[in-house]
Every structure is written in C-alpha cells, then in structure tokens.
Protein backbone atom coordinates (compact mmCIF):
# COMPACT_ATOMS: atom_id res chain seq x y z
CA MET A 1 8.32 -0.33 -15.03
CA SER A 2 8.13 -1.19 -18.70
CA GLY A 3 10.70 -1.69 -21.41
CA GLU A 4 14.25 -2.60 -20.37
CA GLY A 5 14.51 -5.53 -18.03
CA GLU A 6 11.12 -7.00 -18.80
CA PRO A 7 10.53 -10.40 -20.39
CA GLU A 8 9.19 -10.61 -23.91
CA ARG A 9 5.59 -11.44 -23.11
CA GLY A 10 3.78 -10.72 -26.39
CA SER A 11 4.81 -14.05 -27.89
CA GLU A 12 3.45 -16.03 -24.94
CA PRO A 13 0.49 -18.28 -25.79
CA LEU A 14 -2.92 -17.42 -24.40
CA LYS A 15 -2.83 -20.51 -22.18
CA LYS A 16 -0.34 -18.58 -20.03
CA LEU A 17 -3.02 -15.96 -19.45
CA ALA A 18 -5.58 -16.16 -16.66
CA LEU A 19 -8.69 -16.66 -18.80
CA ARG A 20 -12.07 -15.50 -17.61
CA GLY A 21 -14.63 -18.17 -16.89
CA LEU A 22 -17.33 -18.68 -19.48
CA VAL A 23 -20.70 -17.05 -18.71
CA TRP A 24 -23.24 -18.08 -21.34
CA ALA A 25 -26.95 -17.85 -22.13
CA MET A 26 -29.26 -19.47 -24.70
CA SER A 27 -30.17 -17.27 -27.66
CA ASP A 28 -33.86 -17.14 -26.69
CA VAL A 29 -33.10 -15.47 -23.33
CA PRO A 30 -34.43 -11.87 -23.14
CA ILE A 31 -31.94 -8.99 -23.07
CA ARG A 32 -33.24 -8.08 -19.60
CA THR A 33 -32.37 -11.52 -18.22
CA ALA A 34 -28.91 -11.49 -19.83
CA ALA A 35 -28.20 -8.05 -18.32
CA LYS A 36 -29.17 -9.31 -14.84
CA MET A 37 -26.91 -12.32 -15.36
CA MET A 38 -23.95 -10.08 -16.27
CA HIS A 39 -24.60 -7.93 -13.20
CA LEU A 40 -24.80 -10.90 -10.82
CA GLU A 41 -21.71 -12.59 -12.28
CA GLY A 42 -19.71 -9.35 -12.37
CA VAL A 43 -18.78 -9.76 -16.04
CA SER A 44 -18.88 -7.47 -19.06
CA SER A 45 -20.08 -10.05 -21.60
CA VAL A 46 -22.27 -13.13 -22.08
CA VAL A 47 -21.62 -15.78 -24.73
CA VAL A 48 -24.78 -16.44 -26.73
CA VAL A 49 -25.38 -20.12 -27.49
CA GLU A 50 -27.77 -21.61 -30.07
CA GLY A 51 -28.05 -25.26 -31.04
CA GLY A 52 -25.20 -26.11 -28.67
CA LYS A 53 -22.77 -23.72 -30.41
CA PRO A 54 -21.75 -20.14 -29.63
CA ILE A 55 -23.11 -17.66 -32.18
CA GLY A 56 -21.99 -14.37 -30.68
CA ILE A 57 -21.17 -12.31 -27.58
CA LEU A 58 -23.48 -9.81 -25.88
CA THR A 59 -21.33 -7.11 -24.25
CA ASP A 60 -21.79 -4.14 -21.94
CA SER A 61 -21.36 -1.93 -25.02
CA ASP A 62 -24.40 -3.64 -26.54
CA LEU A 63 -26.40 -2.90 -23.40
CA ARG A 64 -25.49 0.80 -23.61
CA GLU A 65 -26.75 0.77 -27.19
CA VAL A 66 -29.98 -0.94 -26.08
CA VAL A 67 -30.65 1.81 -23.53
CA ALA A 68 -29.62 4.67 -25.83
CA GLU A 69 -31.77 3.48 -28.75
CA GLY A 70 -34.73 2.34 -26.67
CA VAL A 71 -34.53 -1.31 -27.78
CA ASP A 72 -37.17 -3.55 -26.19
CA VAL A 73 -35.35 -5.37 -23.34
CA GLY A 74 -37.81 -8.23 -23.77
CA LEU A 75 -36.28 -9.00 -27.15
CA SER A 76 -34.24 -12.21 -27.20
CA ILE A 77 -30.49 -11.77 -27.33
CA GLY A 78 -30.31 -13.97 -30.43
CA GLU A 79 -32.73 -11.71 -32.32
CA TYR A 80 -30.90 -8.61 -31.12
CA LEU A 81 -27.51 -9.85 -32.35
CA ARG A 82 -28.87 -10.98 -35.71
CA GLY A 83 -30.52 -7.58 -36.16
CA LYS A 84 -27.33 -5.57 -35.73
CA PRO A 85 -26.37 -4.16 -39.16
CA ASP A 86 -22.63 -4.07 -38.36
CA ARG A 87 -22.52 -7.62 -36.95
CA LEU A 88 -19.55 -9.67 -38.08
CA PRO A 89 -20.37 -12.53 -40.48
CA GLY A 90 -18.77 -15.06 -38.11
CA LEU A 91 -17.74 -15.31 -34.48
CA VAL A 92 -14.08 -14.28 -34.02
CA THR A 93 -12.18 -16.80 -31.89
CA VAL A 94 -8.54 -17.37 -31.02
CA GLU A 95 -6.83 -20.68 -30.31
CA ILE A 96 -5.37 -21.12 -26.83
CA ASN A 97 -1.88 -21.79 -28.24
CA GLU A 98 -1.83 -18.57 -30.28
CA GLY A 99 0.31 -15.69 -29.03
CA ILE A 100 -1.02 -12.73 -27.07
CA HIS A 101 0.07 -10.31 -29.80
CA GLU A 102 -1.84 -12.34 -32.39
CA ALA A 103 -4.99 -12.24 -30.27
CA LEU A 104 -4.64 -8.50 -29.75
CA SER A 105 -4.07 -7.78 -33.44
CA ARG A 106 -7.14 -9.84 -34.39
CA MET A 107 -9.31 -8.01 -31.87
CA LEU A 108 -8.07 -4.62 -33.07
CA GLU A 109 -8.61 -5.66 -36.69
CA HIS A 110 -12.27 -6.48 -36.05
CA ARG A 111 -12.73 -3.66 -33.49
CA ILE A 112 -13.97 -5.97 -30.78
CA LYS A 113 -13.20 -6.00 -27.06
CA HIS A 114 -14.13 -9.62 -26.20
CA THR A 115 -13.38 -12.87 -27.94
CA LEU A 116 -13.64 -16.58 -27.24
CA VAL A 117 -10.56 -18.69 -26.60
CA THR A 118 -10.82 -22.19 -28.02
CA GLU A 119 -8.80 -25.39 -27.83
CA GLU A 120 -9.28 -27.83 -30.71
CA GLY A 121 -12.63 -26.23 -31.40
CA LYS A 122 -13.89 -26.36 -27.81
CA VAL A 123 -14.49 -23.09 -25.94
CA ARG A 124 -12.13 -22.67 -22.97
CA GLY A 125 -12.93 -19.15 -21.85
CA VAL A 126 -13.17 -15.48 -22.76
CA VAL A 127 -10.40 -12.92 -23.09
CA THR A 128 -10.91 -9.16 -23.20
CA ILE A 129 -8.77 -6.44 -24.68
CA GLY A 130 -8.25 -5.22 -21.13
CA ASP A 131 -6.82 -8.60 -20.12
CA LEU A 132 -4.29 -8.36 -22.95
CA ALA A 133 -3.44 -4.76 -22.06
CA TYR A 134 -2.70 -5.80 -18.46
CA ARG A 135 -0.41 -8.56 -19.70
CA LEU A 136 1.42 -6.39 -22.22
CA GLY A 137 1.66 -3.37 -19.91
CA PRO A 138 4.03 -2.98 -16.90
CA PHE A 139 4.63 -6.57 -15.84
CA HIS A 140 3.70 -6.09 -12.18
CA ILE A 141 0.21 -4.71 -12.91
CA TYR A 142 -0.82 -8.06 -14.38
CA TYR A 143 0.02 -9.81 -11.12
CA VAL A 144 -1.48 -7.13 -8.89
CA ILE A 145 -4.82 -7.44 -10.71
CA ARG A 146 -4.76 -11.24 -10.49
CA LEU A 147 -3.97 -11.12 -6.77
CA ARG A 148 -6.83 -8.73 -6.14
CA ARG A 149 -9.14 -11.25 -7.81
CA ALA A 150 -7.68 -14.28 -5.99
CA ARG A 151 -10.13 -16.21 -3.84
CA SER A 152 -7.97 -18.89 -2.21
CA LEU A 153 -4.50 -19.35 -0.73
CA GLY A 154 -3.76 -21.89 -3.45
CA GLU A 155 -4.49 -19.31 -6.10
CA VAL A 156 -2.25 -16.74 -4.37
CA LYS A 157 0.50 -19.35 -4.08
CA ASP A 158 0.33 -20.11 -7.81
CA ILE A 159 0.44 -16.41 -8.73
CA VAL A 160 3.40 -15.76 -6.41
CA ALA A 161 5.29 -18.74 -7.87
CA GLU A 162 4.64 -17.50 -11.41
CA PHE A 163 5.70 -13.98 -10.39
CA LYS A 164 8.98 -15.28 -8.92
CA ASP A 165 9.76 -16.98 -12.24
CA GLU A 166 9.00 -13.78 -14.13
CA ILE A 167 11.25 -11.71 -11.85
CA ILE A 168 14.12 -14.07 -12.59
CA LYS A 169 13.45 -14.04 -16.34
CA SER A 170 13.27 -10.26 -16.28
CA ALA A 171 16.55 -9.92 -14.40
CA LEU A 172 18.29 -12.43 -16.67
CA ILE A 173 17.23 -10.52 -19.77
CA ALA A 174 18.53 -7.29 -18.23
CA SER A 175 21.84 -8.87 -17.22
CA LYS A 176 22.37 -10.08 -20.80
CA ARG A 177 21.86 -6.51 -21.97
CA GLY A 178 24.71 -5.32 -19.79
CA GLY A 179 23.42 -5.01 -16.24
CA MET A 180 20.20 -3.98 -14.55
CA THR A 181 19.22 -0.34 -14.86
CA ARG A 182 16.42 1.57 -13.16
CA SER A 183 16.62 -0.81 -10.21
CA THR A 184 14.55 1.56 -8.05
CA ALA A 185 11.58 1.23 -10.39
CA PHE A 186 12.10 -2.53 -10.57
CA PHE A 187 12.03 -2.82 -6.75
CA GLU A 188 8.95 -0.62 -6.61
CA SER A 189 7.16 -2.98 -9.00
CA ILE A 190 8.09 -6.04 -6.94
CA SER A 191 6.93 -4.33 -3.72
CA GLN A 192 3.54 -3.56 -5.22
CA VAL A 193 3.03 -7.22 -6.08
CA VAL A 194 4.21 -8.48 -2.67
CA ASP A 195 1.97 -5.93 -0.94
CA ALA A 196 -0.95 -7.10 -3.09
CA ALA A 197 -0.23 -10.74 -2.11
CA LEU A 198 -0.27 -9.80 1.56
CA MET A 199 -3.53 -7.88 1.14
CA ALA A 200 -5.13 -10.79 -0.69
CA VAL A 201 -4.20 -13.16 2.15
CA ALA A 202 -5.30 -10.63 4.80
CA ASN A 203 -8.70 -10.22 3.13
CA MET A 204 -9.18 -13.97 3.28
CA LYS A 205 -8.49 -13.72 7.04
CA GLY A 206 -11.17 -11.07 7.45
CA GLY A 207 -8.93 -8.00 7.49
CA ILE A 208 -6.72 -6.67 10.28
CA PRO A 209 -8.54 -6.00 13.58
CA GLU A 210 -9.33 -2.36 14.30
CA GLY A 211 -6.80 -0.22 16.14
CA ALA A 212 -3.69 -1.95 14.78
CA VAL A 213 -1.12 -1.66 12.01
CA TYR A 214 0.83 -4.42 10.25
CA ALA A 215 4.10 -3.32 8.70
CA ALA A 216 6.79 -4.65 6.39
CA SER A 217 10.40 -4.14 7.44
CA GLY A 218 13.88 -5.02 6.26
CA SER A 219 14.37 -5.09 2.50
CA TRP A 220 10.61 -5.42 1.98
CA GLY A 221 10.02 -2.31 4.08
CA ARG A 222 12.69 -0.44 2.14
CA LYS A 223 11.15 -1.69 -1.13
CA GLU A 224 14.35 -3.55 -2.03
CA GLN A 225 12.99 -7.09 -2.03
CA PHE A 226 14.11 -9.07 -5.07
CA VAL A 227 13.67 -12.84 -5.14
CA LEU A 228 11.30 -13.00 -2.12
CA THR A 229 13.82 -14.93 -0.04
CA ASP A 230 12.47 -13.82 3.34
CA ARG A 231 10.22 -11.27 5.02
CA ASP A 232 10.53 -9.09 8.09
CA THR A 233 7.30 -7.81 9.65
CA LEU A 234 5.91 -6.32 12.83
CA ALA A 235 2.52 -5.33 14.23
CA VAL A 236 1.62 -2.51 16.62
CA TYR A 237 -1.73 -1.96 18.31
CA GLU A 238 -3.29 0.93 20.16
CA GLU A 239 -3.75 -0.13 23.77
CA GLY A 240 -7.39 0.10 24.82
CA SER A 241 -8.79 -0.10 21.28
CA ALA A 242 -7.47 -3.40 19.93
CA ARG A 243 -8.33 -6.82 21.31
CA VAL A 244 -4.86 -8.23 21.79
CA GLY A 245 -5.89 -11.89 21.78
CA GLU A 246 -7.82 -11.46 18.54
CA LEU A 247 -4.92 -9.57 16.94
CA ARG A 248 -2.35 -12.15 18.01
CA SER A 249 -4.46 -14.96 16.57
CA TRP A 250 -4.92 -13.01 13.33
CA VAL A 251 -1.18 -12.30 13.05
CA GLU A 252 -0.27 -15.96 13.62
CA SER A 253 -2.73 -17.04 10.93
CA LEU A 254 -1.48 -14.38 8.51
CA GLU A 255 2.17 -15.27 9.04
CA ASP A 256 1.43 -18.98 8.56
CA SER A 257 -0.42 -18.20 5.32
CA MET A 258 2.43 -16.04 3.98
CA ASP A 259 4.79 -18.97 4.62
CA GLU A 260 2.36 -21.17 2.73
CA VAL A 261 2.07 -18.96 -0.35
CA GLY A 262 5.84 -18.86 -0.88
CA PHE A 263 7.15 -15.80 0.95
CA PRO A 264 9.05 -17.33 3.92
CA GLN A 265 9.77 -15.57 7.19
CA CYS A 266 13.12 -14.06 8.15
CA GLN A 267 15.53 -16.79 9.23
CA HIS A 268 16.21 -14.83 12.44
CA GLY A 269 12.52 -14.79 13.29
CA TYR A 270 11.98 -11.05 12.95
CA THR A 271 8.30 -11.25 12.14
CA ALA A 272 5.10 -10.06 13.78
CA ARG A 273 4.85 -13.45 15.49
CA LYS A 274 7.25 -12.09 18.10
CA LEU A 275 7.38 -8.42 17.08
CA LEU A 276 3.86 -7.62 18.28
CA PHE A 277 3.70 -4.54 20.50
CA GLY A 278 1.30 -2.15 22.14
CA ARG A 279 2.10 1.38 20.99
CA GLN A 280 2.99 2.66 24.47
CA GLU A 281 4.98 -0.50 25.16
CA LEU A 282 6.98 0.01 21.96
CA LEU A 283 7.62 3.68 22.70
CA GLY A 284 9.06 2.64 26.07
CA LEU A 285 11.27 0.03 24.38
CA ILE A 286 12.53 2.57 21.86
CA ASP A 287 13.48 4.88 24.70
CA SER A 288 15.41 2.02 26.33
CA TRP A 289 17.03 0.81 23.09
CA ALA A 290 18.12 4.34 22.17
CA SER A 291 20.17 4.55 25.37
CA ASP A 292 22.44 1.84 23.92
CA PRO A 293 22.01 2.10 20.11
CA GLN A 294 25.00 -0.06 19.28
CA ARG A 295 23.70 -2.99 21.33
CA PHE A 296 20.13 -2.59 20.03
CA ALA A 297 20.99 -1.53 16.47
CA VAL A 298 18.96 -4.39 14.94
CA GLU A 299 15.79 -3.55 16.89
CA LEU A 300 16.07 0.16 16.12
CA SER A 301 16.75 -0.56 12.43
CA ILE A 302 13.68 -2.79 12.18
CA ILE A 303 11.51 0.09 13.40
CA ALA A 304 13.28 2.58 11.11
CA ASP A 305 12.73 0.36 8.06
CA SER A 306 9.07 -0.31 8.88
CA ARG A 307 6.44 0.61 6.29
CA ALA A 308 2.72 0.30 7.01
CA VAL A 309 0.94 -2.11 4.67
CA LEU A 310 -2.29 -2.93 6.52
CA GLY A 311 -4.36 -1.14 9.15
CA ASP A 312 -3.99 2.27 10.79
CA SER A 313 -0.75 3.78 9.43
CA ARG A 314 -0.99 6.66 11.92
CA ILE A 315 0.03 4.30 14.74
CA LEU A 316 3.32 3.55 12.98
CA GLU A 317 3.85 7.22 12.13
CA VAL A 318 3.73 8.11 15.84
CA VAL A 319 6.23 5.35 16.61
CA LYS A 320 8.66 6.39 13.84
CA ASP A 321 8.43 10.04 14.79
CA ALA A 322 9.34 9.09 18.36
CA LEU A 323 12.27 7.01 17.06
CA THR A 324 13.76 9.89 15.06
CA LYS A 325 13.34 12.32 17.99
CA ARG A 326 14.97 9.92 20.42
CA LEU A 327 17.89 9.27 18.06
CA HIS A 328 18.26 12.85 16.83
CA ARG A 329 21.95 13.48 16.07
CA ASN A 330 22.87 10.29 17.93
CA ARG A 331 26.50 9.69 17.02
CA LEU A 332 26.59 6.12 18.34
CA PHE A 333 23.72 5.00 16.06
CA VAL A 334 25.46 6.62 13.08
CA ALA A 335 28.79 5.04 14.02
CA GLN A 336 27.13 1.61 14.20
CA SER A 337 25.83 2.08 10.65
CA LEU A 338 29.43 2.21 9.37
CA MET A 339 30.21 -1.36 10.46
CA TYR A 340 30.29 -2.59 6.82
CA LYS A 341 33.05 -1.10 4.66
CA PRO A 342 33.17 -0.98 0.87
CA PRO A 343 35.60 -3.55 -0.66
CA LEU A 344 37.96 -0.96 -2.04
CA SER A 345 41.68 -0.65 -1.39
CA PRO A 346 44.67 0.86 -3.20
CA LEU A 347 44.82 -2.44 -5.11
CA GLY A 348 41.23 -2.09 -6.32
CA ILE A 349 38.36 -4.47 -5.52
CA PRO A 350 38.88 -8.09 -4.34
CA LYS A 351 38.79 -11.04 -6.71
CA SER A 352 35.74 -12.40 -4.89
CA PHE A 353 33.34 -10.83 -2.36
CA ASP A 354 29.80 -10.98 -1.04
CA PHE A 355 27.97 -8.16 -2.77
CA LYS A 356 25.24 -7.73 -0.14
CA SER A 357 27.55 -7.20 2.83
CA LYS A 358 30.45 -5.57 0.99
CA ALA A 359 28.65 -3.29 -1.44
CA ALA A 360 24.92 -2.92 -0.63
CA ALA A 361 25.12 -2.75 3.17
CA PRO A 362 27.98 -0.14 3.20
CA LEU A 363 25.57 2.18 1.35
CA GLU A 364 22.15 1.26 2.77
CA TYR A 365 23.12 1.17 6.46
CA PRO A 366 24.79 4.59 6.79
CA VAL A 367 22.05 6.16 4.64
CA ARG A 368 19.53 4.78 7.14
CA GLY A 369 21.64 5.88 10.12
CA LEU A 370 22.00 9.42 8.83
CA ALA A 371 18.35 9.61 7.81
CA VAL A 372 16.96 8.46 11.17
CA THR A 373 19.20 10.80 13.15
CA ASN A 374 18.09 13.72 10.98
CA SER A 375 14.31 13.23 11.38
CA ILE A 376 13.70 11.44 8.06
CA THR A 377 11.07 8.70 8.42
CA ALA A 378 11.03 7.50 4.78
CA THR A 379 12.07 3.89 4.27
CA PRO A 380 13.32 3.46 0.64
CA THR A 381 17.06 4.09 0.43
CA SER A 382 16.70 6.22 -2.69
CA GLU A 383 14.12 8.44 -1.01
CA ARG A 384 16.33 8.78 2.06
CA ILE A 385 19.25 9.86 -0.12
CA GLU A 386 17.08 12.48 -1.84
CA GLN A 387 15.84 13.80 1.51
CA LEU A 388 19.39 14.01 2.88
CA GLY A 389 20.33 16.17 -0.09
CA LYS A 390 17.25 18.39 0.11
CA ARG A 391 17.80 19.00 3.82
CA LYS A 392 21.47 19.86 3.23
CA VAL A 393 22.64 17.02 5.49
CA ILE A 394 24.86 16.09 2.57
CA SER A 395 25.68 18.14 -0.49
CA THR A 396 23.47 18.05 -3.56
CA GLU A 397 26.41 16.68 -5.54
CA LEU A 398 27.03 13.83 -3.06
CA SER A 399 23.30 13.06 -3.01
CA ARG A 400 23.27 12.80 -6.80
CA GLU A 401 26.37 10.59 -6.87
CA LEU A 402 24.97 8.35 -4.14
CA LEU A 403 21.75 7.87 -6.11
CA GLN A 404 23.75 6.87 -9.17
CA SER A 405 25.86 4.50 -7.07
CA TYR A 406 22.74 3.03 -5.50
CA GLU A 407 21.31 2.19 -8.92
CA ILE A 408 24.57 0.52 -9.95
CA ILE A 409 24.95 -1.41 -6.68
CA MET A 410 21.35 -2.64 -6.65
CA GLY A 411 21.61 -3.75 -10.24
CA PHE A 412 24.74 -5.80 -9.58
CA LYS A 413 23.29 -7.07 -6.29
CA MET A 414 20.35 -8.53 -8.22
CA ALA A 415 22.66 -10.07 -10.79
CA SER A 416 24.86 -11.60 -8.07
CA GLN A 417 21.85 -13.04 -6.21
CA LEU A 418 20.57 -14.46 -9.45
CA LEU A 419 23.73 -16.00 -10.83
CA THR A 420 26.13 -16.67 -7.95
CA GLN A 421 24.12 -16.73 -4.71
CA GLY A 422 25.38 -13.28 -3.79
CA THR A 423 29.11 -13.66 -4.45
CA VAL A 424 30.80 -11.59 -7.13
CA GLU A 425 33.78 -13.00 -8.99
CA THR A 426 35.56 -10.09 -10.63
CA SER A 427 37.07 -12.43 -13.22
CA ALA A 428 33.54 -12.89 -14.60
CA LEU A 429 32.98 -9.15 -15.02
CA THR A 430 33.79 -7.02 -18.04
CA PRO A 431 36.22 -4.10 -17.67
CA VAL A 432 33.25 -1.72 -17.95
CA GLU A 433 31.40 -3.51 -15.13
CA ILE A 434 34.48 -3.47 -12.93
CA GLY A 435 34.85 0.24 -13.61
CA MET A 436 31.21 0.87 -12.65
CA ILE A 437 31.58 -1.01 -9.37
CA LYS A 438 34.84 0.77 -8.54
CA GLN A 439 33.28 4.18 -9.16
CA ALA A 440 30.25 3.30 -7.02
CA MET A 441 32.49 2.07 -4.21
CA ARG A 442 34.60 5.26 -4.35
CA THR A 443 31.43 7.27 -3.84
CA VAL A 444 30.38 5.08 -0.90
CA LYS A 445 33.86 5.42 0.61
CA LEU A 446 33.64 9.20 0.22
CA PHE A 447 30.24 9.08 1.93
CA HIS A 448 31.73 7.15 4.86
CA SER A 449 34.55 9.68 5.19
CA HIS A 450 32.06 12.53 5.19
CA ILE A 451 30.01 10.85 7.95
CA GLU A 452 33.11 10.14 10.05
CA ARG A 453 34.25 13.78 9.81
CA SER A 454 30.87 15.41 10.36
CA PHE A 455 28.60 13.11 12.35
CA VAL A 456 30.62 10.63 14.43
C-alpha cells in the first residue's frame, strides 16, 4: 500500500537507511580482478581508492560497457575511469544526515545509480538508487527486502522493532486524517513483513523438515495482524515421511526464536509447540471436534483460520478441505459464531465498549462460520465475504455492504488498539465517526438476522 496512511519517509536522513557495506579496490587493480570481487561479494559496484581517498565507483553498468566495447580487462580500474569521456569532474557524495529525497534528487541530477555516503568527510557506506526506491515505495517492501537479507536473529529483531514503530506512525498519521482507510491493503502489507520475518528465522534454522507444513492462524492467519501483539501457529506433518522428533525440535527452536525477535506467542498457548499433529491424527480430531462444534469451536476455528507459510501447503489444503466437508451446513457451528453481538440498541451505541469483541468479532466470527460451512477455505475475512457473495450464500448487496463495514470496523479497531488499548469512548469520536460506526453495526446486525433466519 502506498499513499494514505503511510509515514512521510522522504525527509528521513540517510542514517535511517540500511546502508550497504563498503567494497573497495585500489586504482591499480585490473578490471578483471574488480569484476571477480564484485561477483564474490554479491555487489553491483566497487569504490575505487587512490592515495587513501576514493576517486570513483566502478559499477555493473561499466562492466557491461567494457564487454560491449571490447575494453582490455587487464586495464587498471583507475585508468579506465579516467579514460571515460563522460566521467563527472568530481565524486558525488551525500552526507549521512541529508534526507533521502535530497540523495535521490542528486543522483537523478547526475544520472548515477550509486553514490557514497559520508559522515564528516569519512566514507560510511554506499547507497544505490534501488535502495532509495525501496524506501520511498510501498513501506512494507523496504522491510521485506531487509528481512530477506538478514543474517542473524539480532538483525531480524532490530528490523521487526523498527517495523513496529513504523506501523504505529503510519496508523497515527491516518487517524489524524480522519480514520484508517483501505485497511485490507494495510493488513496485507503487515502480513507480508511478518511472513518474511518468519521465513528469515526459519532459514537460519535450516528450513522446515520435509513432509510438513507450518501455518499461521488467528489474526495472522486471516491477515489481520496489526501491532504484532501475539501469534497463533500450528504444524502438521505427513505420517511416514516426516521425522517427528526432528520436526518437534525444529518447531521448538523456531517458536523460541520468534519470541526472541519480538513477535510473542498467543497468551493461551495456541502455537505449534502444542499444536503439532500428524495429518491422519488431525483428521481424526476434526471428525471428533465436529461432533460437538460448540464445545470445540476454538480448535475448529484455529484450523479454519490456518494459512500455510512454510513447507508443503498441500498437507494443510487436505486438512481444510476435510474440515469444510465435515462441517458442511452445520447449524451448531454457525450458531456458535453468533456469540458476539454488535453494540447497537434502539438508544444507539454505548458510551464505552471494547471494539475487538463488540465490533470486530461480531463480523469476523459469523463470516468465518458461514464460510467454513459452505466449503470456503480462504482465510482473510474480506475474501470470505467476497466468496459468500459470489456463491450466492448471501446477496451481492449484503456482500458489498459487509465489505464496506469491514473496512470501517478494521480501521477503527486499529485506531482503538493504538490510542486506547482497544476501548472506544464515543465521547472522543466526531459525529461523522459515530455515524460510520452505527452504519457498520447496522449492517452487521442485518447479517446476524439473515444468518439466524436462513442458517441456524
């Protein structure tokens, strides 16, 4: 997502940017040697040093020119740079305290893609035009790229902490503009970063053992995670193909590491530490749970909200297909999903209420209940609503109104989590905001009535 809701990042100083490490070579080094150095280091440029000072940058574009024009690769890089007719009279640098926009404008002015970042005259690193584009583009891409490059848990932890701060800044900016819009896209961005953090940690652990799947559940599984307060996870393995002891050890290590990097486990303990199943074992449990869906609503909901993040996603697909078949048109599971009611009465909405349980849950839970009992395996609430409309489970008009209400509810849910720990005080809302919430709650109440008449 870009635009509304995002922090103003162009004015940030370059020191906020993850600078590339300096790879340098003396000016008398042959082009061939410099090219090998760039290949081994995995970089697109080498800083050329002469007399203890940088005199230029040899880039991958220069190497393409060398090949295309048949330049002798035994020529020193210093001679090559000095022989370029279009070479700039001086090395373009940017100070580390200068803004990102200033650095970008200077690079565009001189038509260069790499430049040195200095601090009081001393070189601190290199920045590329791609680095700036990542930072000025959709805010989550910047963090996804950094997480993919991370090499230690400490690095992942620092990135996650910085990302949490940016989420809050982004949401605060949006709330000052009159509420969060496009919350679905915002959640999608957050999920991509959290998924990338998990993958980074998993790669450090050697990757998930073969014949298993690791899944996110709860709000993370539905792609509705906001401030990374907790995580719900589970793991399923294919009996006979996965080494259970190895998988259990891997899961324990992964869960410990996710705690360490700043994404704590669910306070009720619903993580893969205890939710680790063989596929056949889990299918048997689902069959048992489905016989009493009101008693085992939590367990069934965890499976329904599961989204594969690592490993063999087909294992989870089989499990979720079995879940929807076993709960097909199950009235008790749908009835259980109506346990939370919207805070709307003839007198309007209360003066104070918990937004998660009184506004978000009354929409999310019955959407999930109706989706699962109508063979929909998607996890995001917005996608479930769309599928319910397309399959004529609910009318196209109700589907459209629910999607609009979902955007409103999620926006205010984020604002309430951010500013009041989840509680909404109507006295702090504007008349327009109160009107938006009332309209959304009327739609949710209409949805409940429709479910009660048609499915319970």
